[in-house]
C-alpha cells in the first residue's frame, strides 16, 4: 500500500497533515482531531472532507508514513 502524505512543515517536518493519497485517491484533511507522540513518532487522528476518520502516523527514524482507517 503506497501512502503519500502532504503536510504543513513550519519549524519541523510533519507538523500537521493537510491531505494524503491512498490507493490512488486524494483525501483532504478537514480537521486534525487529535495529535500525540509515541517513541516512534507523531500520530494524527484526522477527519477528511468526506467524513472518514483515519490515523496517520509518521515514523521519524524510518521517515515513513503509515495509516489506518478508524
Protein backbone atom coordinates (compact mmCIF):
# COMPACT_ATOMS: atom_id res chain seq x y z
CA UNK A 1 0.00 0.00 0.00
CA UNK A 2 1.52 3.27 -1.08
CA UNK A 3 0.70 6.23 1.13
CA UNK A 4 1.73 9.78 0.31
CA UNK A 5 1.07 12.46 2.93
CA UNK A 6 1.05 16.18 2.19
CA UNK A 7 1.76 18.06 5.38
CA UNK A 8 2.45 21.50 6.75
CA UNK A 9 6.02 21.80 7.93
CA UNK A 10 6.84 25.01 9.76
CA UNK A 11 9.59 24.80 12.34
CA UNK A 12 9.78 20.97 11.98
CA UNK A 13 8.75 18.40 9.40
CA UNK A 14 5.29 16.87 9.60
CA UNK A 15 3.67 19.38 11.92
CA UNK A 16 0.20 18.78 10.51
CA UNK A 17 -1.14 16.61 7.68
CA UNK A 18 -3.17 18.51 5.09
CA UNK A 19 -4.02 15.70 2.64
CA UNK A 20 -3.00 12.17 1.75
CA UNK A 21 -3.11 9.91 -1.26
CA UNK A 22 -4.07 6.30 -0.64
CA UNK A 23 -4.94 3.68 -3.25
CA UNK A 24 -4.77 6.33 -5.96
CA UNK A 25 -7.29 8.65 -4.29
CA UNK A 26 -6.56 12.00 -2.66
CA UNK A 27 -8.21 12.71 0.70
CA UNK A 28 -8.24 16.28 2.02
CA UNK A 29 -7.94 16.61 5.80
CA UNK A 30 -10.79 18.74 7.07
CA UNK A 31 -9.68 18.68 10.71
CA UNK A 32 -6.97 17.20 12.89
CA UNK A 33 -8.98 15.81 15.80
CA UNK A 34 -6.03 14.74 17.95
CA UNK A 35 -2.22 14.72 17.88
CA UNK A 36 0.06 12.65 20.09
CA UNK A 37 3.63 11.43 20.22
CA UNK A 38 4.92 7.91 20.79
CA UNK A 39 8.57 6.79 20.97
CA UNK A 40 8.37 6.09 17.21
CA UNK A 41 6.99 9.50 16.22
CA UNK A 42 3.90 11.60 15.68
CA UNK A 43 0.33 10.34 15.31
CA UNK A 44 -2.65 12.29 14.00
CA UNK A 45 -6.33 11.40 14.15
CA UNK A 46 -7.83 13.20 11.16
CA UNK A 47 -11.28 13.68 9.67
CA UNK A 48 -11.47 14.03 5.88
CA UNK A 49 -13.82 16.22 3.87
CA UNK A 50 -15.86 13.09 3.10
CA UNK A 51 -16.32 12.42 6.82
CA UNK A 52 -13.91 9.50 7.16
CA UNK A 53 -11.61 9.13 10.16
CA UNK A 54 -8.02 7.96 9.78
CA UNK A 55 -4.97 7.68 11.99
CA UNK A 56 -1.83 8.87 10.25
CA UNK A 57 1.49 8.03 11.89
CA UNK A 58 4.94 9.33 11.00
CA UNK A 59 7.88 7.10 11.96
CA UNK A 60 10.64 9.67 12.37
CA UNK A 61 13.56 7.22 12.41
CA UNK A 62 12.39 5.42 9.27
CA UNK A 63 10.96 8.55 7.58
CA UNK A 64 7.84 6.52 6.77
CA UNK A 65 4.14 7.35 7.00
CA UNK A 66 1.52 4.72 7.84
CA UNK A 67 -2.25 4.91 8.05
CA UNK A 68 -5.18 3.01 9.43
CA UNK A 69 -8.87 3.64 8.93
CA UNK A 70 -10.81 4.26 12.13
